[in-house]
Amino acid sequence: MQNAYISSLLFAFLTSLSVATSAAPSAKPEAPAAVAAQSVQAEQSAKVNLNGADAETLRRDLFGIGAAKAKAIIAYRESNGPFTAVDELLEVKGIGKALLEKNRDRLIIN
């Protein structure tokens, strides 16, 4: 008897929870103008100077680069001099071909 009562309460709770979540208003889609502005801004800041960027810029603007890899890039640059080619990034520990290819279009050497 008690199990049936608890089961009924649990069923009622889960049903009302299900109805409440499906009846909740969905988030408003972002306005197209805002998306266009973001893509223009991303395009302007898309290129990262491999020889001039600090660790925070590398971390923020490159895909798959966290704080440790950004510091490794800076350390490599400081010990070996400026990068002469984007492919030289493969010499940095933790940077592989796949990660380089993901970021190739975002990198420049100046």
N, C-alpha and C. Protein backbone atom coordinates (compact mmCIF):
# COMPACT_ATOMS: atom_id res chain seq x y z
N MET A 1 0.82 -1.19 0.00
CA MET A 1 0.00 0.00 0.00
C MET A 1 0.87 1.26 0.00
N GLN A 2 1.86 1.25 0.91
CA GLN A 2 2.73 2.42 1.00
C GLN A 2 3.58 2.58 -0.27
N ASN A 3 4.02 1.46 -0.85
CA ASN A 3 4.80 1.51 -2.09
C ASN A 3 3.98 2.09 -3.23
N ALA A 4 2.70 1.74 -3.30
CA ALA A 4 1.83 2.26 -4.35
C ALA A 4 1.64 3.76 -4.18
N TYR A 5 1.51 4.21 -2.94
CA TYR A 5 1.34 5.64 -2.66
C TYR A 5 2.60 6.42 -3.06
N ILE A 6 3.77 5.90 -2.70
CA ILE A 6 5.04 6.57 -3.04
C ILE A 6 5.23 6.56 -4.55
N SER A 7 4.90 5.45 -5.20
CA SER A 7 5.01 5.38 -6.66
C SER A 7 4.10 6.39 -7.33
N SER A 8 2.90 6.56 -6.81
CA SER A 8 1.96 7.53 -7.38
C SER A 8 2.48 8.95 -7.22
N LEU A 9 3.02 9.26 -6.05
CA LEU A 9 3.59 10.59 -5.83
C LEU A 9 4.79 10.85 -6.73
N LEU A 10 5.65 9.85 -6.87
CA LEU A 10 6.82 9.99 -7.73
C LEU A 10 6.40 10.19 -9.19
N PHE A 11 5.40 9.42 -9.63
CA PHE A 11 4.89 9.57 -10.99
C PHE A 11 4.32 10.97 -11.21
N ALA A 12 3.54 11.46 -10.25
CA ALA A 12 2.95 12.79 -10.37
C ALA A 12 4.03 13.86 -10.41
N PHE A 13 5.05 13.72 -9.58
CA PHE A 13 6.15 14.69 -9.56
C PHE A 13 6.91 14.71 -10.89
N LEU A 14 7.26 13.53 -11.38
CA LEU A 14 7.99 13.46 -12.65
C LEU A 14 7.16 13.97 -13.82
N THR A 15 5.88 13.70 -13.81
CA THR A 15 5.00 14.20 -14.87
C THR A 15 4.93 15.72 -14.85
N SER A 16 4.77 16.28 -13.66
CA SER A 16 4.69 17.74 -13.59
C SER A 16 6.03 18.38 -13.95
N LEU A 17 7.12 17.72 -13.60
CA LEU A 17 8.44 18.22 -13.96
C LEU A 17 8.62 18.20 -15.48
N SER A 18 8.17 17.13 -16.10
CA SER A 18 8.26 17.00 -17.55
C SER A 18 7.44 18.08 -18.26
N VAL A 19 6.24 18.31 -17.77
CA VAL A 19 5.37 19.33 -18.36
C VAL A 19 5.98 20.72 -18.16
N ALA A 20 6.56 20.96 -16.99
CA ALA A 20 7.13 22.28 -16.70
C ALA A 20 8.32 22.57 -17.60
N THR A 21 9.16 21.58 -17.85
CA THR A 21 10.34 21.82 -18.69
C THR A 21 9.97 21.98 -20.16
N SER A 22 8.97 21.23 -20.62
CA SER A 22 8.59 21.37 -22.02
C SER A 22 7.75 22.62 -22.26
N ALA A 23 7.12 23.15 -21.22
CA ALA A 23 6.31 24.35 -21.37
C ALA A 23 7.14 25.62 -21.15
N ALA A 24 8.38 25.48 -20.68
CA ALA A 24 9.23 26.64 -20.42
C ALA A 24 9.54 27.35 -21.74
N PRO A 25 9.57 28.67 -21.73
CA PRO A 25 9.86 29.39 -22.96
C PRO A 25 11.31 29.14 -23.39
N SER A 26 11.50 29.00 -24.67
CA SER A 26 12.85 28.77 -25.17
C SER A 26 13.59 30.10 -25.25
N ALA A 27 14.91 30.01 -25.27
CA ALA A 27 15.73 31.22 -25.35
C ALA A 27 15.52 31.88 -26.70
N LYS A 28 15.54 33.19 -26.71
CA LYS A 28 15.36 33.92 -27.96
C LYS A 28 16.58 33.72 -28.84
N PRO A 29 16.37 33.47 -30.12
CA PRO A 29 17.53 33.36 -31.01
C PRO A 29 18.20 34.72 -31.15
N GLU A 30 19.50 34.68 -31.34
CA GLU A 30 20.26 35.91 -31.46
C GLU A 30 19.89 36.63 -32.76
N ALA A 31 19.87 37.91 -32.70
CA ALA A 31 19.52 38.70 -33.88
C ALA A 31 20.57 38.51 -34.97
N PRO A 32 20.16 38.44 -36.25
CA PRO A 32 21.11 38.25 -37.34
C PRO A 32 22.18 39.35 -37.40
N ALA A 33 21.83 40.57 -37.05
CA ALA A 33 22.81 41.65 -37.10
C ALA A 33 23.92 41.41 -36.09
N ALA A 34 23.55 40.89 -34.93
CA ALA A 34 24.57 40.62 -33.90
C ALA A 34 25.50 39.50 -34.35
N VAL A 35 24.97 38.49 -35.02
CA VAL A 35 25.80 37.41 -35.53
C VAL A 35 26.76 37.94 -36.59
N ALA A 36 26.28 38.79 -37.46
CA ALA A 36 27.13 39.37 -38.49
C ALA A 36 28.22 40.23 -37.88
N ALA A 37 27.88 40.99 -36.86
CA ALA A 37 28.88 41.82 -36.19
C ALA A 37 29.94 40.97 -35.52
N GLN A 38 29.53 39.86 -34.93
CA GLN A 38 30.49 38.96 -34.28
C GLN A 38 31.41 38.33 -35.31
N SER A 39 30.88 37.93 -36.45
CA SER A 39 31.73 37.30 -37.46
C SER A 39 32.71 38.30 -38.05
N VAL A 40 32.30 39.56 -38.20
CA VAL A 40 33.21 40.59 -38.69
C VAL A 40 34.32 40.84 -37.67
N GLN A 41 33.94 40.89 -36.40
CA GLN A 41 34.92 41.10 -35.35
C GLN A 41 35.88 39.91 -35.29
N ALA A 42 35.37 38.71 -35.42
CA ALA A 42 36.23 37.52 -35.40
C ALA A 42 37.17 37.52 -36.59
N GLU A 43 36.68 37.97 -37.74
CA GLU A 43 37.51 38.02 -38.93
C GLU A 43 38.64 39.03 -38.76
N GLN A 44 38.37 40.16 -38.13
CA GLN A 44 39.39 41.18 -37.94
C GLN A 44 40.46 40.72 -36.97
N SER A 45 40.08 39.98 -35.95
CA SER A 45 41.06 39.55 -34.96
C SER A 45 41.48 38.10 -35.19
N ALA A 46 41.21 37.57 -36.38
CA ALA A 46 41.47 36.17 -36.64
C ALA A 46 42.96 35.86 -36.73
N LYS A 47 43.76 36.75 -37.25
CA LYS A 47 45.18 36.47 -37.43
C LYS A 47 45.96 36.74 -36.15
N VAL A 48 46.76 35.76 -35.76
CA VAL A 48 47.58 35.85 -34.57
C VAL A 48 49.04 35.83 -34.99
N ASN A 49 49.77 36.86 -34.60
CA ASN A 49 51.20 36.93 -34.90
C ASN A 49 51.93 35.98 -33.97
N LEU A 50 52.46 34.92 -34.52
CA LEU A 50 53.11 33.89 -33.72
C LEU A 50 54.34 34.40 -32.99
N ASN A 51 54.98 35.43 -33.52
CA ASN A 51 56.18 35.98 -32.88
C ASN A 51 55.89 37.13 -31.93
N GLY A 52 54.70 37.68 -31.96
CA GLY A 52 54.41 38.83 -31.12
C GLY A 52 53.32 38.62 -30.09
N ALA A 53 52.56 37.54 -30.24
CA ALA A 53 51.41 37.32 -29.34
C ALA A 53 51.87 36.85 -27.97
N ASP A 54 51.19 37.34 -26.95
CA ASP A 54 51.47 36.87 -25.60
C ASP A 54 50.68 35.59 -25.34
N ALA A 55 50.93 34.97 -24.20
CA ALA A 55 50.30 33.69 -23.88
C ALA A 55 48.78 33.80 -23.84
N GLU A 56 48.26 34.89 -23.29
CA GLU A 56 46.81 35.08 -23.20
C GLU A 56 46.18 35.17 -24.59
N THR A 57 46.81 35.88 -25.51
CA THR A 57 46.29 36.00 -26.88
C THR A 57 46.31 34.64 -27.57
N LEU A 58 47.39 33.90 -27.42
CA LEU A 58 47.47 32.57 -28.02
C LEU A 58 46.36 31.68 -27.48
N ARG A 59 46.16 31.71 -26.18
CA ARG A 59 45.14 30.88 -25.54
C ARG A 59 43.73 31.26 -26.00
N ARG A 60 43.49 32.55 -26.08
CA ARG A 60 42.15 33.05 -26.40
C ARG A 60 41.80 32.89 -27.88
N ASP A 61 42.76 33.11 -28.77
CA ASP A 61 42.44 33.19 -30.20
C ASP A 61 42.71 31.93 -31.01
N LEU A 62 43.36 30.94 -30.42
CA LEU A 62 43.67 29.72 -31.16
C LEU A 62 42.87 28.55 -30.61
N PHE A 63 42.45 27.68 -31.51
CA PHE A 63 41.68 26.49 -31.12
C PHE A 63 42.60 25.46 -30.49
N GLY A 64 42.19 24.91 -29.36
CA GLY A 64 42.92 23.82 -28.73
C GLY A 64 44.18 24.24 -27.99
N ILE A 65 44.40 25.53 -27.83
CA ILE A 65 45.57 26.02 -27.12
C ILE A 65 45.12 26.53 -25.76
N GLY A 66 45.58 25.84 -24.73
CA GLY A 66 45.29 26.26 -23.36
C GLY A 66 46.47 27.01 -22.79
N ALA A 67 46.43 27.26 -21.51
CA ALA A 67 47.48 28.03 -20.85
C ALA A 67 48.84 27.34 -20.96
N ALA A 68 48.87 26.02 -20.78
CA ALA A 68 50.15 25.29 -20.80
C ALA A 68 50.78 25.32 -22.19
N LYS A 69 50.00 25.09 -23.23
CA LYS A 69 50.55 25.10 -24.59
C LYS A 69 50.95 26.51 -25.00
N ALA A 70 50.19 27.49 -24.57
CA ALA A 70 50.56 28.88 -24.88
C ALA A 70 51.90 29.23 -24.24
N LYS A 71 52.09 28.81 -23.00
CA LYS A 71 53.38 29.05 -22.33
C LYS A 71 54.51 28.29 -23.01
N ALA A 72 54.22 27.08 -23.50
CA ALA A 72 55.23 26.30 -24.21
C ALA A 72 55.63 27.00 -25.52
N ILE A 73 54.68 27.60 -26.20
CA ILE A 73 54.98 28.35 -27.43
C ILE A 73 55.88 29.54 -27.12
N ILE A 74 55.55 30.27 -26.06
CA ILE A 74 56.36 31.42 -25.65
C ILE A 74 57.76 30.97 -25.25
N ALA A 75 57.86 29.88 -24.48
CA ALA A 75 59.16 29.37 -24.05
C ALA A 75 60.00 28.95 -25.25
N TYR A 76 59.39 28.28 -26.22
CA TYR A 76 60.11 27.88 -27.42
C TYR A 76 60.62 29.10 -28.17
N ARG A 77 59.78 30.10 -28.30
CA ARG A 77 60.14 31.33 -29.01
C ARG A 77 61.29 32.03 -28.30
N GLU A 78 61.27 32.06 -26.98
CA GLU A 78 62.33 32.72 -26.22
C GLU A 78 63.65 31.97 -26.30
N SER A 79 63.60 30.64 -26.33
CA SER A 79 64.85 29.87 -26.35
C SER A 79 65.41 29.67 -27.75
N ASN A 80 64.55 29.70 -28.79
CA ASN A 80 65.01 29.42 -30.15
C ASN A 80 64.92 30.62 -31.09
N GLY A 81 64.49 31.73 -30.59
CA GLY A 81 64.33 32.91 -31.44
C GLY A 81 62.97 32.90 -32.11
N PRO A 82 62.70 33.93 -32.90
CA PRO A 82 61.38 34.04 -33.54
C PRO A 82 61.12 32.91 -34.53
N PHE A 83 59.86 32.59 -34.68
CA PHE A 83 59.46 31.59 -35.66
C PHE A 83 59.72 32.12 -37.06
N THR A 84 60.21 31.25 -37.93
CA THR A 84 60.45 31.65 -39.31
C THR A 84 59.35 31.13 -40.24
N ALA A 85 58.59 30.14 -39.78
CA ALA A 85 57.48 29.58 -40.55
C ALA A 85 56.44 29.04 -39.58
N VAL A 86 55.21 29.01 -40.02
CA VAL A 86 54.13 28.49 -39.19
C VAL A 86 54.37 27.01 -38.87
N ASP A 87 54.93 26.26 -39.82
CA ASP A 87 55.19 24.84 -39.61
C ASP A 87 56.19 24.58 -38.48
N GLU A 88 56.98 25.56 -38.13
CA GLU A 88 57.95 25.42 -37.04
C GLU A 88 57.22 25.21 -35.70
N LEU A 89 55.96 25.54 -35.65
CA LEU A 89 55.15 25.35 -34.45
C LEU A 89 55.09 23.87 -34.06
N LEU A 90 55.31 22.97 -35.02
CA LEU A 90 55.32 21.53 -34.74
C LEU A 90 56.46 21.14 -33.80
N GLU A 91 57.47 21.97 -33.69
CA GLU A 91 58.59 21.70 -32.81
C GLU A 91 58.24 21.91 -31.34
N VAL A 92 57.16 22.61 -31.07
CA VAL A 92 56.73 22.88 -29.70
C VAL A 92 56.06 21.64 -29.14
N LYS A 93 56.46 21.24 -27.95
CA LYS A 93 55.90 20.06 -27.31
C LYS A 93 54.39 20.25 -27.10
N GLY A 94 53.62 19.26 -27.54
CA GLY A 94 52.18 19.30 -27.37
C GLY A 94 51.43 19.81 -28.59
N ILE A 95 52.17 20.29 -29.60
CA ILE A 95 51.53 20.78 -30.82
C ILE A 95 51.75 19.73 -31.91
N GLY A 96 50.67 19.18 -32.40
CA GLY A 96 50.75 18.17 -33.46
C GLY A 96 50.21 18.71 -34.77
N LYS A 97 50.24 17.86 -35.78
CA LYS A 97 49.79 18.26 -37.12
C LYS A 97 48.33 18.68 -37.13
N ALA A 98 47.49 17.92 -36.42
CA ALA A 98 46.05 18.23 -36.42
C ALA A 98 45.79 19.59 -35.79
N LEU A 99 46.46 19.88 -34.70
CA LEU A 99 46.27 21.17 -34.02
C LEU A 99 46.81 22.31 -34.89
N LEU A 100 47.92 22.08 -35.55
CA LEU A 100 48.47 23.10 -36.46
C LEU A 100 47.51 23.37 -37.61
N GLU A 101 46.96 22.32 -38.19
CA GLU A 101 46.04 22.50 -39.32
C GLU A 101 44.77 23.23 -38.91
N LYS A 102 44.30 22.98 -37.68
CA LYS A 102 43.12 23.70 -37.18
C LYS A 102 43.36 25.20 -37.12
N ASN A 103 44.60 25.58 -36.84
CA ASN A 103 44.92 26.99 -36.59
C ASN A 103 45.72 27.64 -37.71
N ARG A 104 46.08 26.92 -38.74
CA ARG A 104 46.96 27.44 -39.80
C ARG A 104 46.44 28.77 -40.37
N ASP A 105 45.14 28.85 -40.64
CA ASP A 105 44.58 30.07 -41.23
C ASP A 105 44.55 31.24 -40.27
N ARG A 106 44.72 30.99 -38.99
CA ARG A 106 44.67 32.05 -37.98
C ARG A 106 46.06 32.57 -37.62
N LEU A 107 47.11 31.94 -38.14
CA LEU A 107 48.47 32.28 -37.76
C LEU A 107 49.20 33.04 -38.85
N ILE A 108 50.01 34.00 -38.43
CA ILE A 108 50.90 34.73 -39.32
C ILE A 108 52.25 34.84 -38.65
N ILE A 109 53.28 35.07 -39.45
CA ILE A 109 54.64 35.27 -38.94
C ILE A 109 55.04 36.69 -39.34
N ASN A 110 55.34 37.53 -38.36
CA ASN A 110 55.81 38.89 -38.65
C ASN A 110 57.08 39.15 -37.88
